[in-house]
């Protein structure tokens, strides 16, 4: 009887029997009877990126923030729990990034210049000059008797008339406040106008006209802005919606998006309404 390892001792067990993120998404898509093209059309994620993610290649996403957003979007489209896949991605790629610190309050207030105050000192000086000139002119004319007027014998000469009241200065109209830098002036009423500004971080954005024409598809860096117009509707995809400041038809929207959140929006003419 020879001494050796039994066949069972030669077996190896994987440390983690979970499918990879890409394989899990691919299997769920196939089980749902969907093609890559159908998933891309419903999520607005481009076909090459969908294919790369299903192969566990996240380099085409543009960074961890965008990779998490794409994973969350694709998981919902194929019926998986996004939180589980995001947790798995964080564990495999060094954890969730630290949130972007909010800008100081005083920096935000710089955007809105204070209205110019009226110059009351100049108004008072102008009023004093006007009063002195009026009084001097009245006294100078009062010392001369009008031509053709006779003075009675023994009677006192007529005294010059005193000014009843000093001339009142006209009020100085306050200067109109300057428009804020964030306002969009004179947007046309017969079109839909959308302005995107990357405030805190960069963001991948996609913009399409109502007929499906691609207006822009790329990265909007921090501090950059893009404005789009169409006769009927503009469709947007924001890869990092929390970094975007959004104006629609001249009106700033106060929607609070999270950092790394992917948003799909549509806007038409008139008051902005998210599609």
Protein backbone atom coordinates (compact mmCIF):
# COMPACT_ATOMS: atom_id res chain seq x y z
CA UNK A 1 0.00 0.00 0.00
CA UNK A 2 1.59 3.19 -1.16
CA UNK A 3 1.42 6.36 0.83
CA UNK A 4 0.40 9.43 -1.14
CA UNK A 5 -2.19 12.11 -1.51
CA UNK A 6 -5.69 11.08 -2.35
CA UNK A 7 -7.36 12.49 -5.50
CA UNK A 8 -9.42 14.74 -3.27
CA UNK A 9 -6.22 16.39 -1.97
CA UNK A 10 -5.31 17.50 -5.52
CA UNK A 11 -8.46 19.57 -5.90
CA UNK A 12 -8.16 23.36 -5.78
CA UNK A 13 -10.91 25.68 -4.64
CA UNK A 14 -11.31 29.24 -5.95
CA UNK A 15 -11.05 31.98 -3.37
CA UNK A 16 -14.17 33.67 -4.69
CA UNK A 17 -16.78 31.83 -6.76
CA UNK A 18 -18.53 35.05 -7.86
CA UNK A 19 -18.65 35.89 -11.54
CA UNK A 20 -16.67 38.91 -12.64
CA UNK A 21 -18.59 42.16 -13.11
CA UNK A 22 -18.43 41.94 -16.89
CA UNK A 23 -19.51 38.30 -17.00
CA UNK A 24 -22.38 38.96 -14.58
CA UNK A 25 -23.65 41.79 -16.80
CA UNK A 26 -23.24 39.72 -19.94
CA UNK A 27 -25.06 36.67 -18.51
CA UNK A 28 -27.91 38.86 -17.24
CA UNK A 29 -28.23 40.55 -20.65
CA UNK A 30 -28.36 37.20 -22.45
CA UNK A 31 -30.88 35.87 -19.93
CA UNK A 32 -33.05 38.94 -20.58
CA UNK A 33 -32.92 38.29 -24.32
CA UNK A 34 -31.20 41.60 -25.10
CA UNK A 35 -28.44 42.38 -27.58
CA UNK A 36 -25.54 44.74 -26.99
CA UNK A 37 -27.13 47.18 -29.44
CA UNK A 38 -30.45 47.15 -27.56
CA UNK A 39 -28.74 47.76 -24.22
CA UNK A 40 -26.72 50.60 -25.75
CA UNK A 41 -29.86 52.22 -27.19
CA UNK A 42 -31.77 52.03 -23.90
CA UNK A 43 -28.91 53.25 -21.66
CA UNK A 44 -27.20 55.71 -24.05
CA UNK A 45 -23.89 53.95 -23.27
CA UNK A 46 -21.92 53.50 -26.49
CA UNK A 47 -21.58 50.00 -27.93
CA UNK A 48 -17.74 49.79 -27.64
CA UNK A 49 -17.96 50.71 -23.95
CA UNK A 50 -20.69 48.10 -23.29
CA UNK A 51 -18.55 45.44 -25.01
CA UNK A 52 -15.41 46.48 -23.09
CA UNK A 53 -17.20 46.37 -19.71
CA UNK A 54 -18.58 42.90 -20.44
CA UNK A 55 -14.93 41.87 -21.00
CA UNK A 56 -13.97 43.49 -17.65
CA UNK A 57 -12.06 46.24 -19.45
CA UNK A 58 -12.89 49.53 -17.71
CA UNK A 59 -10.11 51.57 -19.32
CA UNK A 60 -12.50 53.00 -21.94
CA UNK A 61 -14.81 54.46 -19.28
CA UNK A 62 -12.55 57.44 -18.60
CA UNK A 63 -11.95 56.81 -14.88
CA UNK A 64 -13.45 55.17 -11.81
CA UNK A 65 -16.26 57.73 -11.48
CA UNK A 66 -17.54 57.03 -14.99
CA UNK A 67 -16.97 53.28 -14.67
CA UNK A 68 -19.24 53.18 -11.60
CA UNK A 69 -21.87 55.19 -13.43
CA UNK A 70 -21.82 52.85 -16.45
CA UNK A 71 -21.95 49.74 -14.24
CA UNK A 72 -24.93 51.15 -12.34
CA UNK A 73 -26.76 52.02 -15.59
CA UNK A 74 -26.10 48.65 -17.30
CA UNK A 75 -27.06 46.69 -14.18
CA UNK A 76 -30.47 48.37 -14.02
CA UNK A 77 -31.01 47.75 -17.74
CA UNK A 78 -30.46 43.98 -17.40
CA UNK A 79 -32.21 43.54 -14.04
CA UNK A 80 -29.25 43.26 -11.64
CA UNK A 81 -28.73 44.99 -8.28
CA UNK A 82 -26.33 47.91 -8.99
CA UNK A 83 -25.18 48.17 -5.36
CA UNK A 84 -23.73 44.64 -5.35
CA UNK A 85 -21.71 45.23 -8.54
CA UNK A 86 -20.51 48.67 -7.36
CA UNK A 87 -19.36 47.12 -4.07
CA UNK A 88 -17.49 44.42 -6.03
CA UNK A 89 -15.90 47.07 -8.29
CA UNK A 90 -14.74 49.12 -5.28
CA UNK A 91 -13.23 46.04 -3.68
CA UNK A 92 -11.29 45.22 -6.86
CA UNK A 93 -10.18 48.78 -7.67
CA UNK A 94 -9.05 50.31 -4.41
CA UNK A 95 -12.31 51.50 -2.85
CA UNK A 96 -14.61 54.43 -3.45
CA UNK A 97 -12.88 57.79 -4.12
CA UNK A 98 -13.10 60.61 -1.60
CA UNK A 99 -15.90 63.10 -2.37
CA UNK A 100 -14.98 66.38 -4.00
CA UNK A 101 -14.91 69.13 -1.34
CA UNK A 102 -17.52 71.83 -1.75
CA UNK A 103 -16.32 75.21 -2.92
CA UNK A 104 -16.04 77.86 -0.15
CA UNK A 105 -19.07 80.07 0.28
CA UNK A 106 -17.18 83.26 -0.49
CA UNK A 107 -16.13 81.92 -3.89
CA UNK A 108 -19.75 81.25 -4.84
CA UNK A 109 -20.73 84.74 -3.76
CA UNK A 110 -18.14 86.26 -6.07
CA UNK A 111 -20.19 85.18 -9.04
CA UNK A 112 -22.94 87.64 -8.12
CA UNK A 113 -21.60 91.20 -8.12
CA UNK A 114 -23.37 93.64 -5.81
CA UNK A 115 -25.53 96.33 -7.47
CA UNK A 116 -23.89 99.72 -7.77
CA UNK A 117 -25.05 102.12 -5.06
CA UNK A 118 -26.10 105.70 -5.95
CA UNK A 119 -23.39 108.34 -5.44
CA UNK A 120 -25.12 110.56 -2.87
CA UNK A 121 -22.01 112.70 -2.35
CA UNK A 122 -22.00 113.84 -5.96
CA UNK A 123 -25.75 114.49 -5.78
CA UNK A 124 -25.35 116.70 -2.70
CA UNK A 125 -22.53 118.71 -4.32
CA UNK A 126 -24.66 119.27 -7.44
CA UNK A 127 -27.61 120.38 -5.30
CA UNK A 128 -25.50 122.91 -3.35
CA UNK A 129 -24.07 124.36 -6.56
CA UNK A 130 -27.58 124.71 -8.00
CA UNK A 131 -28.89 126.45 -4.85
CA UNK A 132 -25.96 128.92 -4.70
CA UNK A 133 -26.31 129.77 -8.37
CA UNK A 134 -30.06 130.31 -8.08
CA UNK A 135 -29.74 132.60 -5.01
CA UNK A 136 -26.95 134.65 -6.62
CA UNK A 137 -28.92 135.09 -9.83
CA UNK A 138 -32.03 136.19 -7.87
CA UNK A 139 -30.11 138.74 -5.75
CA UNK A 140 -28.34 140.20 -8.79
CA UNK A 141 -31.62 140.78 -10.65
CA UNK A 142 -33.35 142.14 -7.52
CA UNK A 143 -30.90 145.07 -7.15
CA UNK A 144 -31.97 146.56 -10.53
CA UNK A 145 -35.39 148.25 -10.88
CA UNK A 146 -37.38 147.10 -13.87
CA UNK A 147 -37.32 149.51 -16.83
CA UNK A 148 -40.44 151.74 -17.24
CA UNK A 149 -41.41 151.54 -13.53
CA UNK A 150 -41.93 154.90 -11.62
CA UNK A 151 -41.16 155.32 -7.91
CA UNK A 152 -43.62 157.51 -5.87
CA UNK A 153 -42.23 160.70 -4.21
CA UNK A 154 -41.39 160.13 -0.58
CA UNK A 155 -42.28 156.47 -0.79
CA UNK A 156 -39.83 153.67 -0.17
CA UNK A 157 -38.33 151.87 -3.08
CA UNK A 158 -39.83 148.46 -3.64
CA UNK A 159 -37.85 145.75 -1.95
CA UNK A 160 -36.62 142.90 -4.11
CA UNK A 161 -38.57 139.73 -3.84
CA UNK A 162 -36.97 136.95 -1.88
CA UNK A 163 -36.77 133.51 -3.22
CA UNK A 164 -39.66 131.53 -1.80
CA UNK A 165 -37.73 128.31 -1.59
CA UNK A 166 -34.46 126.85 -2.69
CA UNK A 167 -34.44 124.79 -5.84
CA UNK A 168 -34.73 121.14 -4.98
CA UNK A 169 -32.20 118.84 -6.65
CA UNK A 170 -33.56 116.09 -8.82
CA UNK A 171 -33.14 112.67 -7.25
CA UNK A 172 -30.37 110.60 -8.73
CA UNK A 173 -31.71 107.40 -10.24
CA UNK A 174 -29.82 104.38 -8.90
CA UNK A 175 -27.83 102.51 -11.49
CA UNK A 176 -29.37 99.25 -12.58
CA UNK A 177 -27.56 96.20 -11.17
CA UNK A 178 -25.32 94.35 -13.54
CA UNK A 179 -26.58 90.93 -14.66
CA UNK A 180 -24.91 87.97 -13.05
CA UNK A 181 -22.33 86.03 -15.03
CA UNK A 182 -24.47 82.90 -14.81
CA UNK A 183 -27.45 84.40 -16.71
CA UNK A 184 -28.08 83.54 -20.37
CA UNK A 185 -29.17 86.71 -22.13
CA UNK A 186 -31.80 86.92 -24.87
CA UNK A 187 -32.49 83.23 -25.46
CA UNK A 188 -34.83 82.76 -28.45
CA UNK A 189 -38.40 81.84 -27.50
CA UNK A 190 -38.94 79.62 -30.54
CA UNK A 191 -36.06 77.27 -29.73
CA UNK A 192 -34.86 75.14 -26.83
CA UNK A 193 -31.52 76.35 -25.47
CA UNK A 194 -29.38 74.31 -23.05
CA UNK A 195 -26.13 75.47 -21.44
CA UNK A 196 -23.84 73.08 -19.52
CA UNK A 197 -20.96 74.25 -17.31
CA UNK A 198 -18.49 71.94 -15.54
CA UNK A 199 -18.11 73.56 -12.10
CA UNK A 200 -16.40 71.17 -9.66
CA UNK A 201 -14.96 68.44 -11.91
CA UNK A 202 -14.86 67.14 -15.48
CA UNK A 203 -17.82 65.27 -16.93
CA UNK A 204 -18.48 63.20 -20.03
CA UNK A 205 -21.57 64.52 -21.83
CA UNK A 206 -23.61 63.64 -24.89
CA UNK A 207 -26.14 65.96 -26.58
CA UNK A 208 -28.55 65.07 -29.42
CA UNK A 209 -31.13 67.06 -31.40
CA UNK A 210 -34.77 65.92 -31.73
CA UNK A 211 -33.98 64.13 -35.00
CA UNK A 212 -31.20 62.08 -33.40
CA UNK A 213 -28.36 64.22 -34.76
CA UNK A 214 -25.35 64.12 -32.43
CA UNK A 215 -24.48 67.65 -31.32
CA UNK A 216 -21.64 66.73 -28.96
CA UNK A 217 -20.12 63.59 -27.47
CA UNK A 218 -17.03 64.00 -25.34
CA UNK A 219 -15.41 65.27 -22.14
CA UNK A 220 -16.28 68.67 -20.66
CA UNK A 221 -13.34 69.77 -18.50
CA UNK A 222 -13.65 71.76 -15.28
CA UNK A 223 -14.35 75.43 -16.06
CA UNK A 224 -15.59 74.73 -19.62
CA UNK A 225 -19.13 75.38 -20.94
CA UNK A 226 -21.18 74.18 -23.90
CA UNK A 227 -24.45 75.62 -25.28
CA UNK A 228 -26.82 73.69 -27.57
CA UNK A 229 -29.96 74.76 -29.48
CA UNK A 230 -32.68 72.90 -31.38
CA UNK A 231 -36.12 73.74 -32.80
CA UNK A 232 -37.96 71.11 -30.72
CA UNK A 233 -35.96 69.04 -28.19
CA UNK A 234 -32.47 68.35 -26.83
CA UNK A 235 -31.59 64.99 -25.26
CA UNK A 236 -28.69 64.88 -22.78
CA UNK A 237 -26.59 62.21 -21.09
CA UNK A 238 -24.43 63.44 -18.18
CA UNK A 239 -21.70 61.02 -17.09
CA UNK A 240 -20.84 62.92 -13.90
CA UNK A 241 -24.02 64.92 -13.28
CA UNK A 242 -22.92 66.22 -9.88
CA UNK A 243 -20.23 68.38 -11.53
CA UNK A 244 -22.61 70.08 -14.00
CA UNK A 245 -24.42 73.43 -13.63
CA UNK A 246 -27.42 73.41 -15.97
CA UNK A 247 -29.36 76.26 -17.62
CA UNK A 248 -32.42 75.55 -19.80
CA UNK A 249 -34.12 78.32 -21.82
CA UNK A 250 -32.34 80.98 -19.74
CA UNK A 251 -33.37 79.45 -16.37
CA UNK A 252 -30.94 77.84 -13.94
CA UNK A 253 -32.04 74.41 -12.72
CA UNK A 254 -31.48 73.59 -9.06
CA UNK A 255 -31.46 69.79 -9.45
CA UNK A 256 -28.98 68.25 -7.00
CA UNK A 257 -27.15 65.42 -8.76
CA UNK A 258 -24.61 63.22 -7.00
CA UNK A 259 -20.96 62.98 -8.05
CA UNK A 260 -20.52 60.12 -10.50
CA UNK A 261 -24.26 59.87 -11.16
CA UNK A 262 -25.31 59.23 -14.78
CA UNK A 263 -28.40 61.23 -15.82
CA UNK A 264 -30.44 61.08 -19.04
CA UNK A 265 -32.50 64.25 -19.57
CA UNK A 266 -34.68 65.78 -22.29
CA UNK A 267 -35.80 69.42 -22.58
CA UNK A 268 -38.21 71.27 -24.88
CA UNK A 269 -39.22 74.91 -25.42
CA UNK A 270 -40.72 76.92 -22.56
CA UNK A 271 -40.22 76.14 -18.87
CA UNK A 272 -37.60 73.37 -18.51
CA UNK A 273 -38.89 69.94 -17.56
CA UNK A 274 -36.71 66.87 -17.27
CA UNK A 275 -37.69 64.08 -19.62
